[in-house]
PDB file of N, CA and C in Angstrom:
ATOM      1  N   MET A   1      46.005 275.120 162.008  1.00  0.00           N
ATOM      2  CA  MET A   1      46.264 275.004 160.589  1.00  0.00           C
ATOM      3  C   MET A   1      45.903 273.622 160.055  1.00  0.00           C
ATOM      4  N   GLY A   2      45.967 272.617 160.906  1.00  0.00           N
ATOM      5  CA  GLY A   2      45.592 271.282 160.485  1.00  0.00           C
ATOM      6  C   GLY A   2      44.144 271.010 160.805  1.00  0.00           C
ATOM      7  N   ASP A   3      43.612 269.901 160.277  1.00  0.00           N
ATOM      8  CA  ASP A   3      42.241 269.549 160.593  1.00  0.00           C
ATOM      9  C   ASP A   3      42.231 268.420 161.608  1.00  0.00           C
ATOM     10  N   ALA A   4      41.056 267.925 161.925  1.00  0.00           N
ATOM     11  CA  ALA A   4      40.906 266.903 162.955  1.00  0.00           C
ATOM     12  C   ALA A   4      41.636 265.613 162.614  1.00  0.00           C
ATOM     13  N   ALA A   5      41.846 265.348 161.337  1.00  0.00           N
ATOM     14  CA  ALA A   5      42.524 264.124 160.917  1.00  0.00           C
ATOM     15  C   ALA A   5      44.040 264.280 160.917  1.00  0.00           C
ATOM     16  N   GLY A   6      44.554 265.429 161.396  1.00  0.00           N
ATOM     17  CA  GLY A   6      45.988 265.645 161.422  1.00  0.00           C
ATOM     18  C   GLY A   6      46.579 265.970 160.075  1.00  0.00           C
ATOM     19  N   LYS A   7      45.773 266.543 159.195  1.00  0.00           N
ATOM     20  CA  LYS A   7      46.237 266.899 157.854  1.00  0.00           C
ATOM     21  C   LYS A   7      46.329 268.410 157.721  1.00  0.00           C
ATOM     22  N   PHE A   8      47.265 268.848 156.882  1.00  0.00           N
ATOM     23  CA  PHE A   8      47.485 270.266 156.613  1.00  0.00           C
ATOM     24  C   PHE A   8      47.258 270.503 155.128  1.00  0.00           C
ATOM     25  N   GLN A   9      46.467 271.495 154.789  1.00  0.00           N
ATOM     26  CA  GLN A   9      46.208 271.824 153.382  1.00  0.00           C
ATOM     27  C   GLN A   9      47.277 272.797 152.892  1.00  0.00           C
ATOM     28  N   THR A  10      48.135 272.322 151.998  1.00  0.00           N
ATOM     29  CA  THR A  10      49.143 273.196 151.410  1.00  0.00           C
ATOM     30  C   THR A  10      48.495 274.025 150.307  1.00  0.00           C
ATOM     31  N   ILE A  11      49.184 275.080 149.918  1.00  0.00           N
ATOM     32  CA  ILE A  11      48.716 275.896 148.804  1.00  0.00           C
ATOM     33  C   ILE A  11      49.801 275.925 147.733  1.00  0.00           C
ATOM     34  N   HIS A  12      49.403 276.245 146.515  1.00  0.00           N
ATOM     35  CA  HIS A  12      50.330 276.244 145.380  1.00  0.00           C
ATOM     36  C   HIS A  12      50.532 277.676 144.908  1.00  0.00           C
ATOM     37  N   PRO A  13      51.769 278.056 144.559  1.00  0.00           N
ATOM     38  CA  PRO A  13      52.027 279.440 144.150  1.00  0.00           C
ATOM     39  C   PRO A  13      51.475 279.796 142.764  1.00  0.00           C
ATOM     40  N   GLU A  14      51.184 278.800 141.950  1.00  0.00           N
ATOM     41  CA  GLU A  14      50.721 279.057 140.595  1.00  0.00           C
ATOM     42  C   GLU A  14      49.196 279.104 140.565  1.00  0.00           C
ATOM     43  N   ALA A  15      48.651 280.184 140.032  1.00  0.00           N
ATOM     44  CA  ALA A  15      47.203 280.359 139.967  1.00  0.00           C
ATOM     45  C   ALA A  15      46.546 279.176 139.266  1.00  0.00           C
ATOM     46  N   GLY A  16      45.467 278.705 139.846  1.00  0.00           N
ATOM     47  CA  GLY A  16      44.730 277.603 139.246  1.00  0.00           C
ATOM     48  C   GLY A  16      45.205 276.226 139.657  1.00  0.00           C
ATOM     49  N   LYS A  17      46.351 276.155 140.315  1.00  0.00           N
ATOM     50  CA  LYS A  17      46.849 274.857 140.773  1.00  0.00           C
ATOM     51  C   LYS A  17      46.523 274.686 142.246  1.00  0.00           C
ATOM     52  N   GLN A  18      46.186 273.478 142.613  1.00  0.00           N
ATOM     53  CA  GLN A  18      45.759 273.152 143.969  1.00  0.00           C
ATOM     54  C   GLN A  18      46.913 272.556 144.765  1.00  0.00           C
ATOM     55  N   GLY A  19      46.963 272.891 146.062  1.00  0.00           N
ATOM     56  CA  GLY A  19      47.907 272.236 146.957  1.00  0.00           C
ATOM     57  C   GLY A  19      47.376 270.861 147.315  1.00  0.00           C
ATOM     58  N   THR A  20      48.032 270.215 148.240  1.00  0.00           N
ATOM     59  CA  THR A  20      47.612 268.886 148.657  1.00  0.00           C
ATOM     60  C   THR A  20      47.555 268.825 150.178  1.00  0.00           C
ATOM     61  N   LYS A  21      46.813 267.874 150.710  1.00  0.00           N
ATOM     62  CA  LYS A  21      46.762 267.684 152.161  1.00  0.00           C
ATOM     63  C   LYS A  21      47.869 266.715 152.552  1.00  0.00           C
ATOM     64  N   ILE A  22      48.649 267.121 153.555  1.00  0.00           N
ATOM     65  CA  ILE A  22      49.721 266.250 154.042  1.00  0.00           C
ATOM     66  C   ILE A  22      49.680 266.210 155.565  1.00  0.00           C
ATOM     67  N   ASP A  23      50.363 265.246 156.129  1.00  0.00           N
ATOM     68  CA  ASP A  23      50.437 265.080 157.577  1.00  0.00           C
ATOM     69  C   ASP A  23      51.011 266.342 158.227  1.00  0.00           C
ATOM     70  N   VAL A  24      50.331 266.823 159.265  1.00  0.00           N
ATOM     71  CA  VAL A  24      50.743 268.067 159.934  1.00  0.00           C
ATOM     72  C   VAL A  24      52.166 267.960 160.485  1.00  0.00           C
ATOM     73  N   ALA A  25      52.491 266.858 161.138  1.00  0.00           N
ATOM     74  CA  ALA A  25      53.825 266.709 161.732  1.00  0.00           C
ATOM     75  C   ALA A  25      54.907 266.733 160.653  1.00  0.00           C
ATOM     76  N   LYS A  26      54.654 266.081 159.526  1.00  0.00           N
ATOM     77  CA  LYS A  26      55.637 266.077 158.443  1.00  0.00           C
ATOM     78  C   LYS A  26      55.750 267.467 157.830  1.00  0.00           C
ATOM     79  N   TYR A  27      54.613 268.154 157.684  1.00  0.00           N
ATOM     80  CA  TYR A  27      54.648 269.522 157.145  1.00  0.00           C
ATOM     81  C   TYR A  27      55.500 270.414 158.044  1.00  0.00           C
ATOM     82  N   GLU A  28      55.223 270.407 159.341  1.00  0.00           N
ATOM     83  CA  GLU A  28      55.947 271.276 160.274  1.00  0.00           C
ATOM     84  C   GLU A  28      57.435 270.950 160.304  1.00  0.00           C
ATOM     85  N   ALA A  29      57.772 269.660 160.287  1.00  0.00           N
ATOM     86  CA  ALA A  29      59.179 269.257 160.302  1.00  0.00           C
ATOM     87  C   ALA A  29      59.889 269.690 159.018  1.00  0.00           C
ATOM     88  N   MET A  30      59.243 269.498 157.877  1.00  0.00           N
ATOM     89  CA  MET A  30      59.858 269.873 156.601  1.00  0.00           C
ATOM     90  C   MET A  30      59.956 271.392 156.481  1.00  0.00           C
ATOM     91  N   LYS A  31      58.943 272.110 156.931  1.00  0.00           N
ATOM     92  CA  LYS A  31      58.989 273.573 156.897  1.00  0.00           C
ATOM     93  C   LYS A  31      60.174 274.083 157.708  1.00  0.00           C
ATOM     94  N   ALA A  32      60.340 273.566 158.925  1.00  0.00           N
ATOM     95  CA  ALA A  32      61.455 273.987 159.779  1.00  0.00           C
ATOM     96  C   ALA A  32      62.790 273.647 159.133  1.00  0.00           C
ATOM     97  N   ALA A  33      62.889 272.458 158.527  1.00  0.00           N
ATOM     98  CA  ALA A  33      64.142 272.041 157.889  1.00  0.00           C
ATOM     99  C   ALA A  33      64.458 272.928 156.683  1.00  0.00           C
ATOM    100  N   LEU A  34      63.456 273.208 155.861  1.00  0.00           N
ATOM    101  CA  LEU A  34      63.693 274.061 154.696  1.00  0.00           C
ATOM    102  C   LEU A  34      64.112 275.462 155.109  1.00  0.00           C
ATOM    103  N   LEU A  35      63.419 276.016 156.096  1.00  0.00           N
ATOM    104  CA  LEU A  35      63.772 277.368 156.538  1.00  0.00           C
ATOM    105  C   LEU A  35      65.155 277.402 157.187  1.00  0.00           C
ATOM    106  N   ALA A  36      65.604 276.271 157.721  1.00  0.00           N
ATOM    107  CA  ALA A  36      66.936 276.196 158.328  1.00  0.00           C
ATOM    108  C   ALA A  36      68.041 276.160 157.277  1.00  0.00           C
ATOM    109  N   VAL A  37      67.759 275.570 156.115  1.00  0.00           N
ATOM    110  CA  VAL A  37      68.825 275.390 155.115  1.00  0.00           C
ATOM    111  C   VAL A  37      68.778 276.372 153.952  1.00  0.00           C
ATOM    112  N   VAL A  38      67.664 277.051 153.773  1.00  0.00           N
ATOM    113  CA  VAL A  38      67.553 278.015 152.682  1.00  0.00           C
ATOM    114  C   VAL A  38      68.042 279.373 153.182  1.00  0.00           C
ATOM    115  N   PRO A  39      69.130 279.896 152.611  1.00  0.00           N
ATOM    116  CA  PRO A  39      69.665 281.180 153.083  1.00  0.00           C
ATOM    117  C   PRO A  39      68.805 282.353 152.632  1.00  0.00           C
ATOM    118  N   ALA A  40      68.911 283.441 153.373  1.00  0.00           N
ATOM    119  CA  ALA A  40      68.147 284.654 153.055  1.00  0.00           C
ATOM    120  C   ALA A  40      68.950 285.611 152.186  1.00  0.00           C
ATOM    121  N   THR A  41      70.200 285.302 151.945  1.00  0.00           N
ATOM    122  CA  THR A  41      71.055 286.221 151.199  1.00  0.00           C
ATOM    123  C   THR A  41      71.705 285.516 150.019  1.00  0.00           C
ATOM    124  N   GLY A  42      72.303 286.303 149.160  1.00  0.00           N
ATOM    125  CA  GLY A  42      73.088 285.765 148.055  1.00  0.00           C
ATOM    126  C   GLY A  42      72.254 285.034 147.029  1.00  0.00           C
ATOM    127  N   ASP A  43      72.850 284.004 146.474  1.00  0.00           N
ATOM    128  CA  ASP A  43      72.235 283.256 145.393  1.00  0.00           C
ATOM    129  C   ASP A  43      71.335 282.125 145.885  1.00  0.00           C
ATOM    130  N   GLY A  44      71.115 282.036 147.186  1.00  0.00           N
ATOM    131  CA  GLY A  44      70.258 280.980 147.712  1.00  0.00           C
ATOM    132  C   GLY A  44      70.918 279.619 147.623  1.00  0.00           C
ATOM    133  N   VAL A  45      70.083 278.590 147.476  1.00  0.00           N
ATOM    134  CA  VAL A  45      70.548 277.207 147.392  1.00  0.00           C
ATOM    135  C   VAL A  45      69.893 276.570 146.167  1.00  0.00           C
ATOM    136  N   ARG A  46      70.638 275.657 145.533  1.00  0.00           N
ATOM    137  CA  ARG A  46      70.075 274.968 144.368  1.00  0.00           C
ATOM    138  C   ARG A  46      68.928 274.070 144.815  1.00  0.00           C
ATOM    139  N   PHE A  47      67.836 274.136 144.082  1.00  0.00           N
ATOM    140  CA  PHE A  47      66.670 273.309 144.387  1.00  0.00           C
ATOM    141  C   PHE A  47      67.054 271.838 144.472  1.00  0.00           C
ATOM    142  N   MET A  48      67.888 271.376 143.529  1.00  0.00           N
ATOM    143  CA  MET A  48      68.258 269.956 143.491  1.00  0.00           C
ATOM    144  C   MET A  48      69.083 269.523 144.719  1.00  0.00           C
ATOM    145  N   ASP A  49      69.605 270.470 145.487  1.00  0.00           N
ATOM    146  CA  ASP A  49      70.387 270.134 146.679  1.00  0.00           C
ATOM    147  C   ASP A  49      69.551 270.102 147.955  1.00  0.00           C
ATOM    148  N   LEU A  50      68.283 270.494 147.863  1.00  0.00           N
ATOM    149  CA  LEU A  50      67.476 270.621 149.070  1.00  0.00           C
ATOM    150  C   LEU A  50      67.233 269.300 149.794  1.00  0.00           C
ATOM    151  N   GLY A  51      66.974 268.233 149.056  1.00  0.00           N
ATOM    152  CA  GLY A  51      66.707 266.934 149.692  1.00  0.00           C
ATOM    153  C   GLY A  51      67.834 266.496 150.604  1.00  0.00           C
ATOM    154  N   GLU A  52      69.043 266.568 150.089  1.00  0.00           N
ATOM    155  CA  GLU A  52      70.219 266.181 150.873  1.00  0.00           C
ATOM    156  C   GLU A  52      70.453 267.161 152.026  1.00  0.00           C
ATOM    157  N   ALA A  53      70.191 268.433 151.785  1.00  0.00           N
ATOM    158  CA  ALA A  53      70.423 269.456 152.810  1.00  0.00           C
ATOM    159  C   ALA A  53      69.464 269.343 153.987  1.00  0.00           C
ATOM    160  N   VAL A  54      68.201 269.005 153.710  1.00  0.00           N
ATOM    161  CA  VAL A  54      67.215 268.961 154.805  1.00  0.00           C
ATOM    162  C   VAL A  54      67.262 267.667 155.597  1.00  0.00           C
ATOM    163  N   GLU A  55      67.734 266.600 155.013  1.00  0.00           N
ATOM    164  CA  GLU A  55      67.675 265.282 155.666  1.00  0.00           C
ATOM    165  C   GLU A  55      68.211 265.266 157.094  1.00  0.00           C
ATOM    166  N   PRO A  56      69.379 265.874 157.382  1.00  0.00           N
ATOM    167  CA  PRO A  56      69.873 265.847 158.763  1.00  0.00           C
ATOM    168  C   PRO A  56      68.973 266.610 159.754  1.00  0.00           C
ATOM    169  N   HIS A  57      68.101 267.468 159.242  1.00  0.00           N
ATOM    170  CA  HIS A  57      67.224 268.273 160.086  1.00  0.00           C
ATOM    171  C   HIS A  57      65.872 267.611 160.346  1.00  0.00           C
ATOM    172  N   LEU A  58      65.638 266.473 159.710  1.00  0.00           N
ATOM    173  CA  LEU A  58      64.337 265.807 159.815  1.00  0.00           C
ATOM    174  C   LEU A  58      64.365 264.665 160.818  1.00  0.00           C
ATOM    175  N   PRO A  59      63.274 264.477 161.576  1.00  0.00           N
ATOM    176  CA  PRO A  59      63.189 263.329 162.486  1.00  0.00           C
ATOM    177  C   PRO A  59      63.157 262.031 161.662  1.00  0.00           C
ATOM    178  N   ALA A  60      64.151 261.187 161.845  1.00  0.00           N
ATOM    179  CA  ALA A  60      64.271 259.962 161.050  1.00  0.00           C
ATOM    180  C   ALA A  60      63.030 259.084 161.173  1.00  0.00           C
ATOM    181  N   GLU A  61      62.467 258.978 162.369  1.00  0.00           N
ATOM    182  CA  GLU A  61      61.305 258.112 162.562  1.00  0.00           C
ATOM    183  C   GLU A  61      60.073 258.625 161.809  1.00  0.00           C
ATOM    184  N   LEU A  62      59.975 259.926 161.634  1.00  0.00           N
ATOM    185  CA  LEU A  62      58.831 260.519 160.943  1.00  0.00           C
ATOM    186  C   LEU A  62      58.920 260.326 159.424  1.00  0.00           C
ATOM    187  N   PHE A  63      60.134 260.310 158.901  1.00  0.00           N
ATOM    188  CA  PHE A  63      60.341 260.207 157.459  1.00  0.00           C
ATOM    189  C   PHE A  63      60.950 258.875 157.035  1.00  0.00           C
ATOM    190  N   ALA A  64      60.891 257.872 157.906  1.00  0.00           N
ATOM    191  CA  ALA A  64      61.516 256.572 157.639  1.00  0.00           C
ATOM    192  C   ALA A  64      61.021 255.944 156.337  1.00  0.00           C
ATOM    193  N   ASN A  65      59.726 256.002 156.083  1.00  0.00           N
ATOM    194  CA  ASN A  65      59.169 255.377 154.880  1.00  0.00           C
ATOM    195  C   ASN A  65      58.562 256.412 153.938  1.00  0.00           C
ATOM    196  N   ALA A  66      59.041 257.636 154.036  1.00  0.00           N
ATOM    197  CA  ALA A  66      58.482 258.720 153.225  1.00  0.00           C
ATOM    198  C   ALA A  66      59.464 259.145 152.144  1.00  0.00           C
ATOM    199  N   SER A  67      58.925 259.701 151.086  1.00  0.00           N
ATOM    200  CA  SER A  67      59.753 260.253 150.014  1.00  0.00           C
ATOM    201  C   SER A  67      60.130 261.690 150.404  1.00  0.00           C
ATOM    202  N   ILE A  68      61.346 261.857 150.873  1.00  0.00           N
ATOM    203  CA  ILE A  68      61.797 263.185 151.295  1.00  0.00           C
ATOM    204  C   ILE A  68      61.702 264.161 150.129  1.00  0.00           C
ATOM    205  N   SER A  69      62.074 263.726 148.930  1.00  0.00           N
ATOM    206  CA  SER A  69      62.038 264.639 147.787  1.00  0.00           C
ATOM    207  C   SER A  69      60.613 265.110 147.498  1.00  0.00           C
ATOM    208  N   TRP A  70      59.609 264.241 147.646  1.00  0.00           N
ATOM    209  CA  TRP A  70      58.213 264.640 147.421  1.00  0.00           C
ATOM    210  C   TRP A  70      57.803 265.704 148.440  1.00  0.00           C
ATOM    211  N   TYR A  71      58.172 265.501 149.696  1.00  0.00           N
ATOM    212  CA  TYR A  71      57.834 266.481 150.731  1.00  0.00           C
ATOM    213  C   TYR A  71      58.589 267.791 150.526  1.00  0.00           C
ATOM    214  N   VAL A  72      59.835 267.720 150.056  1.00  0.00           N
ATOM    215  CA  VAL A  72      60.587 268.942 149.747  1.00  0.00           C
ATOM    216  C   VAL A  72      59.823 269.763 148.712  1.00  0.00           C
ATOM    217  N   VAL A  73      59.403 269.141 147.624  1.00  0.00           N
ATOM    218  CA  VAL A  73      58.696 269.851 146.564  1.00  0.00           C
ATOM    219  C   VAL A  73      57.375 270.426 147.081  1.00  0.00           C
ATOM    220  N   THR A  74      56.591 269.609 147.754  1.00  0.00           N
ATOM    221  CA  THR A  74      55.272 270.033 148.227  1.00  0.00           C
ATOM    222  C   THR A  74      55.363 271.197 149.201  1.00  0.00           C
ATOM    223  N   VAL A  75      56.256 271.093 150.179  1.00  0.00           N
ATOM    224  CA  VAL A  75      56.365 272.142 151.195  1.00  0.00           C
ATOM    225  C   VAL A  75      57.076 273.371 150.618  1.00  0.00           C
ATOM    226  N   LYS A  76      58.040 273.181 149.732  1.00  0.00           N
ATOM    227  CA  LYS A  76      58.696 274.327 149.087  1.00  0.00           C
ATOM    228  C   LYS A  76      57.674 275.163 148.320  1.00  0.00           C
ATOM    229  N   LEU A  77      56.820 274.510 147.558  1.00  0.00           N
ATOM    230  CA  LEU A  77      55.783 275.235 146.818  1.00  0.00           C
ATOM    231  C   LEU A  77      54.852 275.987 147.768  1.00  0.00           C
ATOM    232  N   ASP A  78      54.488 275.358 148.871  1.00  0.00           N
ATOM    233  CA  ASP A  78      53.630 276.006 149.859  1.00  0.00           C
ATOM    234  C   ASP A  78      54.322 277.235 150.460  1.00  0.00           C
ATOM    235  N   LEU A  79      55.601 277.106 150.786  1.00  0.00           N
ATOM    236  CA  LEU A  79      56.338 278.238 151.365  1.00  0.00           C
ATOM    237  C   LEU A  79      56.504 279.362 150.347  1.00  0.00           C
ATOM    238  N   GLU A  80      56.633 279.016 149.070  1.00  0.00           N
ATOM    239  CA  GLU A  80      56.667 280.043 148.020  1.00  0.00           C
ATOM    240  C   GLU A  80      55.329 280.783 147.991  1.00  0.00           C
ATOM    241  N   ALA A  81      54.242 280.032 148.005  1.00  0.00           N
ATOM    242  CA  ALA A  81      52.905 280.631 147.941  1.00  0.00           C
ATOM    243  C   ALA A  81      52.635 281.527 149.153  1.00  0.00           C
ATOM    244  N   ARG A  82      53.221 281.196 150.289  1.00  0.00           N
ATOM    245  CA  ARG A  82      53.019 281.979 151.512  1.00  0.00           C
ATOM    246  C   ARG A  82      54.012 283.140 151.632  1.00  0.00           C
ATOM    247  N   GLY A  83      54.926 283.265 150.651  1.00  0.00           N
ATOM    248  CA  GLY A  83      55.864 284.378 150.638  1.00  0.00           C
ATOM    249  C   GLY A  83      57.034 284.241 151.596  1.00  0.00           C
ATOM    250  N   LEU A  84      57.347 283.011 152.019  1.00  0.00           N
ATOM    251  CA  LEU A  84      58.467 282.791 152.940  1.00  0.00           C
ATOM    252  C   LEU A  84      59.774 282.506 152.210  1.00  0.00           C
ATOM    253  N   ILE A  85      59.670 281.885 151.032  1.00  0.00           N
ATOM    254  CA  ILE A  85      60.840 281.663 150.193  1.00  0.00           C
ATOM    255  C   ILE A  85      60.470 282.065 148.773  1.00  0.00           C
ATOM    256  N   GLU A  86      61.505 282.267 147.945  1.00  0.00           N
ATOM    257  CA  GLU A  86      61.272 282.647 146.553  1.00  0.00           C
ATOM    258  C   GLU A  86      62.301 281.990 145.659  1.00  0.00           C
ATOM    259  N   ARG A  87      61.938 281.839 144.402  1.00  0.00           N
ATOM    260  CA  ARG A  87      62.896 281.375 143.406  1.00  0.00           C
ATOM    261  C   ARG A  87      63.777 282.559 143.047  1.00  0.00           C
ATOM    262  N   VAL A  88      65.060 282.319 142.929  1.00  0.00           N
ATOM    263  CA  VAL A  88      65.987 283.386 142.542  1.00  0.00           C
ATOM    264  C   VAL A  88      65.745 283.670 141.066  1.00  0.00           C
ATOM    265  N   PRO A  89      65.351 284.901 140.731  1.00  0.00           N
ATOM    266  CA  PRO A  89      65.034 285.229 139.338  1.00  0.00           C
ATOM    267  C   PRO A  89      66.212 284.977 138.398  1.00  0.00           C
ATOM    268  N   GLY A  90      65.920 284.299 137.289  1.00  0.00           N
ATOM    269  CA  GLY A  90      66.921 284.060 136.258  1.00  0.00           C
ATOM    270  C   GLY A  90      67.911 282.947 136.552  1.00  0.00           C
ATOM    271  N   ALA A  91      67.839 282.339 137.718  1.00  0.00           N
ATOM    272  CA  ALA A  91      68.804 281.298 138.082  1.00  0.00           C
ATOM    273  C   ALA A  91      68.464 279.990 137.374  1.00  0.00           C
ATOM    274  N   ARG A  92      69.453 279.409 136.718  1.00  0.00           N
ATOM    275  CA  ARG A  92      69.327 278.101 136.082  1.00  0.00           C
ATOM    276  C   ARG A  92      70.549 277.302 136.461  1.00  0.00           C
ATOM    277  N   PRO A  93      70.447 276.151 137.078  1.00  0.00           N
ATOM    278  CA  PRO A  93      69.203 275.534 137.518  1.00  0.00           C
ATOM    279  C   PRO A  93      68.525 276.340 138.634  1.00  0.00           C
ATOM    280  N   GLN A  94      67.287 275.964 138.913  1.00  0.00           N
ATOM    281  CA  GLN A  94      66.492 276.686 139.901  1.00  0.00           C
ATOM    282  C   GLN A  94      67.205 276.786 141.257  1.00  0.00           C
ATOM    283  N   ARG A  95      67.149 277.989 141.837  1.00  0.00           N
ATOM    284  CA  ARG A  95      67.697 278.243 143.169  1.00  0.00           C
ATOM    285  C   ARG A  95      66.601 278.927 143.974  1.00  0.00           C
ATOM    286  N   VAL A  96      66.615 278.716 145.290  1.00  0.00           N
ATOM    287  CA  VAL A  96      65.632 279.355 146.165  1.00  0.00           C
ATOM    288  C   VAL A  96      66.348 280.037 147.315  1.00  0.00           C
ATOM    289  N   ARG A  97      65.691 281.086 147.837  1.00  0.00           N
ATOM    290  CA  ARG A  97      66.218 281.794 149.006  1.00  0.00           C
ATOM    291  C   ARG A  97      65.035 282.256 149.853  1.00  0.00           C
ATOM    292  N   ARG A  98      65.332 282.549 151.099  1.00  0.00           N
ATOM    293  CA  ARG A  98      64.294 283.061 152.000  1.00  0.00           C
ATOM    294  C   ARG A  98      63.976 284.485 151.642  1.00  0.00           C
ATOM    295  N   VAL A  99      62.736 284.864 151.875  1.00  0.00           N
ATOM    296  CA  VAL A  99      62.303 286.241 151.659  1.00  0.00           C
ATOM    297  C   VAL A  99      62.550 286.992 152.964  1.00  0.00           C
ATOM    298  N   THR A 100      63.205 288.147 152.850  1.00  0.00           N
ATOM    299  CA  THR A 100      63.510 288.923 154.070  1.00  0.00           C
ATOM    300  C   THR A 100      62.573 290.095 154.211  1.00  0.00           C
TER     301      THR A 100
END
């Protein structure tokens, strides 16, 4: 999934919008953390709570100088585009849950 430079091309769920290339190790770590904290049932989790929720699941050395919130947004959008998580319809503020 990554290229020779260790980058992963994310995709965006909104037509016409482009994903971004990010470090493969950070992508994989954030993906695992998001999938660990986003429930598959009920009302999901508030988007604004994801940064705090994933932090204990992330390797500190990998994210020491990184913006966790930026990676949360980037990888969340990619997981939405891949059909692994979804926004809970009608939820305000935004909530997300795993797709079963």
